[in-house]
C-alpha atoms as a PDB file:
ATOM      1  CA  MET A   1     -16.484-113.535  28.935  1.00  0.00           C
ATOM      2  CA  GLY A   2     -16.556-117.275  28.365  1.00  0.00           C
ATOM      3  CA  VAL A   3     -15.411-120.305  30.360  1.00  0.00           C
ATOM      4  CA  SER A   4     -14.196-123.503  28.681  1.00  0.00           C
ATOM      5  CA  LEU A   5     -13.990-126.560  30.952  1.00  0.00           C
ATOM      6  CA  ASP A   6     -12.064-129.240  29.087  1.00  0.00           C
ATOM      7  CA  HIS A   7     -12.581-132.935  29.814  1.00  0.00           C
ATOM      8  CA  THR A   8      -9.313-134.213  28.373  1.00  0.00           C
ATOM      9  CA  THR A   9      -5.677-133.171  28.552  1.00  0.00           C
ATOM     10  CA  TYR A  10      -3.697-133.484  25.351  1.00  0.00           C
ATOM     11  CA  ILE A  11      -0.671-135.754  25.683  1.00  0.00           C
ATOM     12  CA  ILE A  12       2.107-135.096  23.196  1.00  0.00           C
ATOM     13  CA  PRO A  13       2.777-138.332  21.289  1.00  0.00           C
ATOM     14  CA  PRO A  14       6.372-139.508  20.871  1.00  0.00           C
ATOM     15  CA  PRO A  15       7.956-138.160  17.683  1.00  0.00           C
ATOM     16  CA  SER A  16       7.991-140.461  14.683  1.00  0.00           C
ATOM     17  CA  SER A  17      11.360-139.030  13.729  1.00  0.00           C
ATOM     18  CA  THR A  18      14.182-137.468  15.717  1.00  0.00           C
ATOM     19  CA  ARG A  19      14.858-134.904  13.006  1.00  0.00           C
ATOM     20  CA  HIS A  20      14.245-131.298  14.095  1.00  0.00           C
ATOM     21  CA  VAL A  21      12.878-132.455  17.467  1.00  0.00           C
ATOM     22  CA  HIS A  22      14.545-130.967  20.542  1.00  0.00           C
ATOM     23  CA  PRO A  23      14.874-133.191  23.621  1.00  0.00           C
ATOM     24  CA  ARG A  24      12.169-132.659  26.206  1.00  0.00           C
ATOM     25  CA  THR A  25      12.259-133.490  29.878  1.00  0.00           C
ATOM     26  CA  PRO A  26       9.124-134.853  31.598  1.00  0.00           C
ATOM     27  CA  THR A  27       8.476-131.355  32.964  1.00  0.00           C
ATOM     28  CA  GLN A  28       8.865-129.910  29.469  1.00  0.00           C
ATOM     29  CA  ILE A  29       6.417-132.444  28.021  1.00  0.00           C
ATOM     30  CA  GLU A  30       3.918-131.594  30.756  1.00  0.00           C
ATOM     31  CA  LEU A  31       4.158-127.870  29.998  1.00  0.00           C
ATOM     32  CA  ASP A  32       3.896-128.445  26.257  1.00  0.00           C
ATOM     33  CA  SER A  33       0.870-130.699  26.696  1.00  0.00           C
ATOM     34  CA  HIS A  34      -0.849-127.941  28.660  1.00  0.00           C
ATOM     35  CA  LEU A  35       0.112-125.396  25.998  1.00  0.00           C
ATOM     36  CA  HIS A  36      -1.362-127.586  23.252  1.00  0.00           C
ATOM     37  CA  THR A  37      -4.522-128.137  25.292  1.00  0.00           C
ATOM     38  CA  ILE A  38      -5.053-124.395  25.686  1.00  0.00           C
ATOM     39  CA  ARG A  39      -4.281-123.758  22.022  1.00  0.00           C
ATOM     40  CA  GLY A  40      -6.813-126.367  20.948  1.00  0.00           C
ATOM     41  CA  THR A  41      -6.725-130.031  19.957  1.00  0.00           C
ATOM     42  CA  SER A  42      -8.983-132.383  18.033  1.00  0.00           C
ATOM     43  CA  GLN A  43     -10.549-133.373  21.375  1.00  0.00           C
ATOM     44  CA  ASN A  44     -11.574-129.840  22.370  1.00  0.00           C
ATOM     45  CA  VAL A  45     -11.670-127.849  19.141  1.00  0.00           C
ATOM     46  CA  SER A  46     -15.394-127.203  19.577  1.00  0.00           C
ATOM     47  CA  ASN A  47     -14.965-125.932  23.143  1.00  0.00           C
ATOM     48  CA  ARG A  48     -13.557-122.519  22.266  1.00  0.00           C
ATOM     49  CA  PHE A  49     -15.260-119.153  21.861  1.00  0.00           C
ATOM     50  CA  PHE A  50     -13.065-116.994  19.680  1.00  0.00           C
ATOM     51  CA  ASP A  51     -15.606-114.196  19.428  1.00  0.00           C
ATOM     52  CA  LYS A  52     -15.540-113.540  23.196  1.00  0.00           C
ATOM     53  CA  THR A  53     -13.426-110.782  24.676  1.00  0.00           C
ATOM     54  CA  PHE A  54     -11.887-113.164  27.195  1.00  0.00           C
ATOM     55  CA  THR A  55     -12.218-116.930  27.601  1.00  0.00           C
ATOM     56  CA  LEU A  56     -10.827-118.744  30.631  1.00  0.00           C
ATOM     57  CA  ILE A  57      -9.766-122.293  29.686  1.00  0.00           C
ATOM     58  CA  VAL A  58      -9.322-124.895  32.442  1.00  0.00           C
ATOM     59  CA  ASP A  59      -8.038-128.415  31.798  1.00  0.00           C
ATOM     60  CA  PRO A  60      -8.576-131.468  34.063  1.00  0.00           C
ATOM     61  CA  SER A  61      -5.188-130.934  35.734  1.00  0.00           C
ATOM     62  CA  THR A  62      -6.593-127.596  37.057  1.00  0.00           C
ATOM     63  CA  ARG A  63      -4.105-125.636  34.981  1.00  0.00           C
ATOM     64  CA  ALA A  64      -5.692-122.716  33.207  1.00  0.00           C
ATOM     65  CA  GLY A  65      -5.017-120.525  30.226  1.00  0.00           C
ATOM     66  CA  ALA A  66      -6.871-117.868  28.322  1.00  0.00           C
ATOM     67  CA  ALA A  67      -7.857-116.811  24.829  1.00  0.00           C
ATOM     68  CA  GLY A  68      -9.014-113.372  23.834  1.00  0.00           C
ATOM     69  CA  GLU A  69     -10.344-111.277  21.008  1.00  0.00           C
ATOM     70  CA  HIS A  70      -7.869-108.487  20.386  1.00  0.00           C
ATOM     71  CA  SER A  71     -10.026-105.484  19.523  1.00  0.00           C
ATOM     72  CA  PRO A  72     -11.222-104.415  23.035  1.00  0.00           C
ATOM     73  CA  VAL A  73      -7.773-104.249  24.668  1.00  0.00           C
ATOM     74  CA  ASP A  74      -4.165-105.191  24.079  1.00  0.00           C
ATOM     75  CA  ALA A  75      -2.929-108.579  25.229  1.00  0.00           C
ATOM     76  CA  LEU A  76      -0.930-107.007  28.058  1.00  0.00           C
ATOM     77  CA  VAL A  77      -4.087-105.884  29.874  1.00  0.00           C
ATOM     78  CA  PRO A  78      -5.596-109.353  30.505  1.00  0.00           C
ATOM     79  CA  SER A  79      -2.068-110.606  31.194  1.00  0.00           C
ATOM     80  CA  ILE A  80      -1.717-108.076  34.022  1.00  0.00           C
ATOM     81  CA  VAL A  81      -5.151-109.028  35.370  1.00  0.00           C
ATOM     82  CA  ALA A  82      -4.300-112.746  35.258  1.00  0.00           C
ATOM     83  CA  GLU A  83      -0.957-112.193  36.973  1.00  0.00           C
ATOM     84  CA  TYR A  84      -2.694-110.185  39.701  1.00  0.00           C
ATOM     85  CA  GLY A  85      -5.112-113.064  40.247  1.00  0.00           C
ATOM     86  CA  VAL A  86      -2.277-115.577  40.492  1.00  0.00           C
ATOM     87  CA  VAL A  87      -0.287-113.445  42.929  1.00  0.00           C
ATOM     88  CA  GLU A  88      -3.224-112.454  45.120  1.00  0.00           C
ATOM     89  CA  GLY A  89      -4.793-115.902  45.170  1.00  0.00           C
ATOM     90  CA  VAL A  90      -8.369-116.730  46.148  1.00  0.00           C
ATOM     91  CA  ASP A  91     -10.040-115.393  49.259  1.00  0.00           C
ATOM     92  CA  VAL A  92     -11.489-118.645  50.600  1.00  0.00           C
ATOM     93  CA  GLY A  93     -13.472-116.781  53.235  1.00  0.00           C
ATOM     94  CA  SER A  94     -15.629-115.197  50.548  1.00  0.00           C
ATOM     95  CA  PHE A  95     -17.104-118.620  49.692  1.00  0.00           C
ATOM     96  CA  LYS A  96     -17.999-119.821  53.192  1.00  0.00           C
ATOM     97  CA  THR A  97     -21.363-118.078  53.437  1.00  0.00           C
ATOM     98  CA  THR A  98     -24.221-117.775  51.004  1.00  0.00           C
ATOM     99  CA  SER A  99     -25.243-114.295  49.974  1.00  0.00           C
ATOM    100  CA  ALA A 100     -28.410-113.078  51.670  1.00  0.00           C
ATOM    101  CA  SER A 101     -29.844-112.095  48.315  1.00  0.00           C
ATOM    102  CA  ALA A 102     -29.485-115.624  46.913  1.00  0.00           C
ATOM    103  CA  SER A 103     -32.613-117.750  46.847  1.00  0.00           C
ATOM    104  CA  ALA A 104     -32.996-121.500  46.581  1.00  0.00           C
ATOM    105  CA  ASP A 105     -35.765-120.895  44.050  1.00  0.00           C
ATOM    106  CA  GLU A 106     -33.438-119.178  41.613  1.00  0.00           C
ATOM    107  CA  PRO A 107     -32.568-121.306  38.585  1.00  0.00           C
ATOM    108  CA  GLY A 108     -29.058-122.728  38.340  1.00  0.00           C
ATOM    109  CA  TRP A 109     -27.045-123.621  35.276  1.00  0.00           C
ATOM    110  CA  GLU A 110     -29.104-124.475  32.235  1.00  0.00           C
ATOM    111  CA  ARG A 111     -27.908-126.466  29.257  1.00  0.00           C
ATOM    112  CA  LEU A 112     -28.280-124.729  25.914  1.00  0.00           C
ATOM    113  CA  ASP A 113     -28.787-126.984  22.905  1.00  0.00           C
ATOM    114  CA  TRP A 114     -28.131-125.299  19.589  1.00  0.00           C
ATOM    115  CA  VAL A 115     -30.788-125.615  16.914  1.00  0.00           C
ATOM    116  CA  GLY A 116     -29.595-125.556  13.318  1.00  0.00           C
ATOM    117  CA  ASP A 117     -30.477-126.802   9.877  1.00  0.00           C
ATOM    118  CA  ASP A 118     -28.449-129.050   7.604  1.00  0.00           C
ATOM    119  CA  MET A 119     -26.495-126.140   6.179  1.00  0.00           C
ATOM    120  CA  ILE A 120     -25.377-124.992   9.644  1.00  0.00           C
ATOM    121  CA  TRP A 121     -24.255-128.484  10.658  1.00  0.00           C
ATOM    122  CA  LYS A 122     -22.356-128.894   7.395  1.00  0.00           C
ATOM    123  CA  GLU A 123     -20.549-125.599   7.993  1.00  0.00           C
ATOM    124  CA  CYS A 124     -19.680-126.731  11.524  1.00  0.00           C
ATOM    125  CA  GLN A 125     -18.213-129.973  10.205  1.00  0.00           C
ATOM    126  CA  ASP A 126     -16.219-128.116   7.555  1.00  0.00           C
ATOM    127  CA  ALA A 127     -14.918-125.683  10.189  1.00  0.00           C
ATOM    128  CA  THR A 128     -13.854-128.623  12.386  1.00  0.00           C
ATOM    129  CA  ARG A 129     -11.914-130.193   9.526  1.00  0.00           C
ATOM    130  CA  ARG A 130     -10.148-126.906   8.765  1.00  0.00           C
ATOM    131  CA  ALA A 131      -9.247-126.367  12.415  1.00  0.00           C
ATOM    132  CA  ASN A 132      -7.895-129.909  12.778  1.00  0.00           C
ATOM    133  CA  ALA A 133      -5.795-129.516   9.627  1.00  0.00           C
ATOM    134  CA  ILE A 134      -4.283-126.274  10.954  1.00  0.00           C
ATOM    135  CA  MET A 135      -3.464-127.853  14.332  1.00  0.00           C
ATOM    136  CA  GLU A 136      -1.895-130.925  12.742  1.00  0.00           C
ATOM    137  CA  ASN A 137       0.340-128.632  10.704  1.00  0.00           C
ATOM    138  CA  SER A 138       1.335-126.529  13.745  1.00  0.00           C
ATOM    139  CA  ASP A 139       3.527-126.984  16.773  1.00  0.00           C
ATOM    140  CA  ASP A 140       4.628-124.863  19.708  1.00  0.00           C
ATOM    141  CA  SER A 141       6.678-125.407  22.805  1.00  0.00           C
ATOM    142  CA  VAL A 142       7.543-123.733  26.092  1.00  0.00           C
ATOM    143  CA  LEU A 143      11.221-123.120  26.762  1.00  0.00           C
ATOM    144  CA  TRP A 144      11.790-122.730  30.495  1.00  0.00           C
ATOM    145  CA  PHE A 145      15.235-121.148  30.562  1.00  0.00           C
ATOM    146  CA  GLU A 146      16.904-121.329  33.972  1.00  0.00           C
ATOM    147  CA  LYS A 147      20.549-120.500  33.198  1.00  0.00           C
ATOM    148  CA  TYR A 148      20.175-116.804  33.974  1.00  0.00           C
ATOM    149  CA  GLY A 149      17.621-114.005  33.898  1.00  0.00           C
ATOM    150  CA  SER A 150      17.174-110.256  33.595  1.00  0.00           C
ATOM    151  CA  ASN A 151      19.220-109.459  36.711  1.00  0.00           C
ATOM    152  CA  TRP A 152      22.264-111.213  35.276  1.00  0.00           C
ATOM    153  CA  ILE A 153      21.861-109.397  31.958  1.00  0.00           C
ATOM    154  CA  LYS A 154      21.644-106.016  33.663  1.00  0.00           C
ATOM    155  CA  GLY A 155      24.602-106.899  35.859  1.00  0.00           C
ATOM    156  CA  VAL A 156      26.738-107.749  32.845  1.00  0.00           C
ATOM    157  CA  GLY A 157      25.822-104.408  31.324  1.00  0.00           C
ATOM    158  CA  MET A 158      26.860-102.616  34.519  1.00  0.00           C
ATOM    159  CA  LEU A 159      30.291-104.258  34.418  1.00  0.00           C
ATOM    160  CA  SER A 160      30.943-103.888  30.697  1.00  0.00           C
ATOM    161  CA  SER A 161      29.906-100.245  30.493  1.00  0.00           C
ATOM    162  CA  ILE A 162      31.992 -98.863  33.348  1.00  0.00           C
ATOM    163  CA  PRO A 163      34.434 -96.089  32.418  1.00  0.00           C
ATOM    164  CA  LEU A 164      37.836 -97.653  31.917  1.00  0.00           C
ATOM    165  CA  VAL A 165      39.494 -94.808  33.801  1.00  0.00           C
ATOM    166  CA  ASN A 166      37.742 -95.874  37.006  1.00  0.00           C
ATOM    167  CA  ILE A 167      39.038 -99.409  36.662  1.00  0.00           C
ATOM    168  CA  MET A 168      42.602 -98.350  35.889  1.00  0.00           C
ATOM    169  CA  LEU A 169      42.875 -95.761  38.659  1.00  0.00           C
ATOM    170  CA  ASN A 170      40.904 -97.385  41.426  1.00  0.00           C
ATOM    171  CA  GLY A 171      41.056-101.040  40.509  1.00  0.00           C
ATOM    172  CA  THR A 172      37.419-101.422  41.512  1.00  0.00           C
ATOM    173  CA  TYR A 173      34.109-101.532  39.675  1.00  0.00           C
ATOM    174  CA  SER A 174      31.632 -98.716  40.109  1.00  0.00           C
ATOM    175  CA  THR A 175      28.089 -99.814  39.495  1.00  0.00           C
ATOM    176  CA  GLY A 176      26.772 -96.427  38.384  1.00  0.00           C
ATOM    177  CA  ASP A 177      23.594 -96.319  36.298  1.00  0.00           C
ATOM    178  CA  TYR A 178      24.797 -98.326  33.303  1.00  0.00           C
ATOM    179  CA  ARG A 179      22.478-101.231  32.640  1.00  0.00           C
ATOM    180  CA  LEU A 180      22.136-103.506  29.636  1.00  0.00           C
ATOM    181  CA  SER A 181      18.504-103.770  28.580  1.00  0.00           C
ATOM    182  CA  PRO A 182      17.202-107.371  28.884  1.00  0.00           C
ATOM    183  CA  ASP A 183      14.751-106.625  26.069  1.00  0.00           C
ATOM    184  CA  ALA A 184      17.555-105.469  23.759  1.00  0.00           C
ATOM    185  CA  TYR A 185      19.619-108.508  24.764  1.00  0.00           C
ATOM    186  CA  ILE A 186      16.822-110.914  23.793  1.00  0.00           C
ATOM    187  CA  GLN A 187      16.095-109.038  20.560  1.00  0.00           C
ATOM    188  CA  MET A 188      19.699-109.399  19.463  1.00  0.00           C
ATOM    189  CA  ALA A 189      19.794-113.049  20.511  1.00  0.00           C
ATOM    190  CA  MET A 190      16.718-113.777  18.384  1.00  0.00           C
ATOM    191  CA  GLN A 191      18.135-111.956  15.375  1.00  0.00           C
ATOM    192  CA  LEU A 192      21.414-113.856  15.674  1.00  0.00           C
ATOM    193  CA  ALA A 193      19.604-117.185  16.084  1.00  0.00           C
ATOM    194  CA  TRP A 194      17.471-116.473  13.011  1.00  0.00           C
ATOM    195  CA  TYR A 195      20.510-115.629  10.902  1.00  0.00           C
ATOM    196  CA  LYS A 196      22.449-118.707  12.035  1.00  0.00           C
ATOM    197  CA  THR A 197      19.405-120.882  11.297  1.00  0.00           C
ATOM    198  CA  ARG A 198      18.281-119.337   7.994  1.00  0.00           C
ATOM    199  CA  ASN A 199      21.484-117.682   6.796  1.00  0.00           C
ATOM    200  CA  GLU A 200      19.523-114.548   5.968  1.00  0.00           C
ATOM    201  CA  PHE A 201      18.090-111.450   7.633  1.00  0.00           C
ATOM    202  CA  THR A 202      14.427-110.676   8.090  1.00  0.00           C
ATOM    203  CA  ALA A 203      12.200-107.903   9.364  1.00  0.00           C
ATOM    204  CA  THR A 204      11.446-108.023  13.072  1.00  0.00           C
ATOM    205  CA  TYR A 205       8.423-106.964  15.069  1.00  0.00           C
ATOM    206  CA  GLU A 206       8.171-105.847  18.658  1.00  0.00           C
ATOM    207  CA  THR A 207       5.214-104.271  20.392  1.00  0.00           C
ATOM    208  CA  VAL A 208       5.666-100.741  21.727  1.00  0.00           C
ATOM    209  CA  LEU A 209       3.156 -99.706  24.356  1.00  0.00           C
ATOM    210  CA  THR A 210       1.646 -96.256  23.847  1.00  0.00           C
ATOM    211  CA  ARG A 211      -1.148 -96.543  26.413  1.00  0.00           C
ATOM    212  CA  MET A 212       0.253 -93.596  28.379  1.00  0.00           C
ATOM    213  CA  PHE A 213      -0.749 -91.335  25.468  1.00  0.00           C
ATOM    214  CA  LYS A 214      -4.306 -90.281  24.721  1.00  0.00           C
ATOM    215  CA  GLN A 215      -6.091 -92.978  22.679  1.00  0.00           C
ATOM    216  CA  GLY A 216      -2.775 -94.824  22.472  1.00  0.00           C
ATOM    217  CA  ARG A 217      -2.574 -98.615  22.373  1.00  0.00           C
ATOM    218  CA  THR A 218       0.387-100.170  20.604  1.00  0.00           C
ATOM    219  CA  GLU A 219       2.765 -99.350  17.827  1.00  0.00           C
ATOM    220  CA  THR A 220       5.278-101.437  15.911  1.00  0.00           C
ATOM    221  CA  LEU A 221       9.004-101.316  16.570  1.00  0.00           C
ATOM    222  CA  ARG A 222      11.410-102.681  13.963  1.00  0.00           C
ATOM    223  CA  SER A 223      14.463-103.666  15.964  1.00  0.00           C
ATOM    224  CA  PHE A 224      16.445-104.883  12.946  1.00  0.00           C
ATOM    225  CA  SER A 225      18.798-102.044  12.036  1.00  0.00           C
ATOM    226  CA  VAL A 226      22.078-101.312  10.276  1.00  0.00           C
ATOM    227  CA  GLU A 227      23.881-101.595  13.599  1.00  0.00           C
ATOM    228  CA  SER A 228      22.253-104.893  14.580  1.00  0.00           C
ATOM    229  CA  ARG A 229      23.090-106.307  11.153  1.00  0.00           C
ATOM    230  CA  GLN A 230      26.737-105.356  11.609  1.00  0.00           C
ATOM    231  CA  TRP A 231      26.781-106.957  15.043  1.00  0.00           C
ATOM    232  CA  ILE A 232      25.286-110.217  13.741  1.00  0.00           C
ATOM    233  CA  LEU A 233      27.810-110.414  10.913  1.00  0.00           C
ATOM    234  CA  SER A 234      30.649-109.839  13.382  1.00  0.00           C
ATOM    235  CA  MET A 235      29.335-112.627  15.625  1.00  0.00           C
ATOM    236  CA  VAL A 236      29.551-115.172  12.784  1.00  0.00           C
ATOM    237  CA  ASP A 237      32.867-113.849  11.459  1.00  0.00           C
ATOM    238  CA  PRO A 238      35.775-115.896  12.879  1.00  0.00           C
ATOM    239  CA  LYS A 239      38.152-113.036  12.037  1.00  0.00           C
ATOM    240  CA  ALA A 240      36.241-110.463  14.071  1.00  0.00           C
ATOM    241  CA  THR A 241      37.932-109.171  17.190  1.00  0.00           C
ATOM    242  CA  VAL A 242      36.517-108.166  20.562  1.00  0.00           C
ATOM    243  CA  HIS A 243      36.408-104.441  21.197  1.00  0.00           C
ATOM    244  CA  ILE A 244      36.046-102.797  24.608  1.00  0.00           C
ATOM    245  CA  PHE A 245      34.171 -99.511  24.576  1.00  0.00           C
ATOM    246  CA  ALA A 246      34.568 -97.007  27.363  1.00  0.00           C
ATOM    247  CA  VAL A 247      31.473 -95.077  28.378  1.00  0.00           C
ATOM    248  CA  ARG A 248      32.417 -91.770  29.991  1.00  0.00           C
END
């Protein structure tokens, strides 16, 4: 495990052009700046350890993120651990007393200065230039969507999938066990957005967890199908009509 303590926080500069730039609120800019800091910037590109299983990255604003090497575990595992740490918080009482086994004579932190020849330093400089070029040609952003969430999606599914006979006879909605999957909802939204943006279809990837099986980790799910293609085409077809399906 590694720890990266950054000394600077990356501030997103104002765009030179308004083309293809979505409006950002101050909160959005703050989140994006943190995201870029964790990803890596020209100010901290040398303060990352990509060969470590898990690296905790802390910026001066005390926000933290993480980077990991994928081979030991899937990304969901450290995500669960990090979420547990956030929810549980820090037990302040554990830091009030010094352990009896600790000794004042024990050495503390020690600075390690790397020793290398000209070839090593040249490779480091070349690696820095490549990393900076990749970052300058990349962008990412956090979309904090607050209009609705998974509960609303599941609720809509419960209403739209109710047997019509119950509505006609009783005039009331029966919740039952019909629920629209939030994951399926988002998958279809992304496929529709891609088609409306690119005017073409593409293969999709979604992680399928198989950790409950022996030696299982993840598999690939291709959510783009004949049915999803038909749905997307109907959504962009002004002549398409709305159909109500009864689930009995």
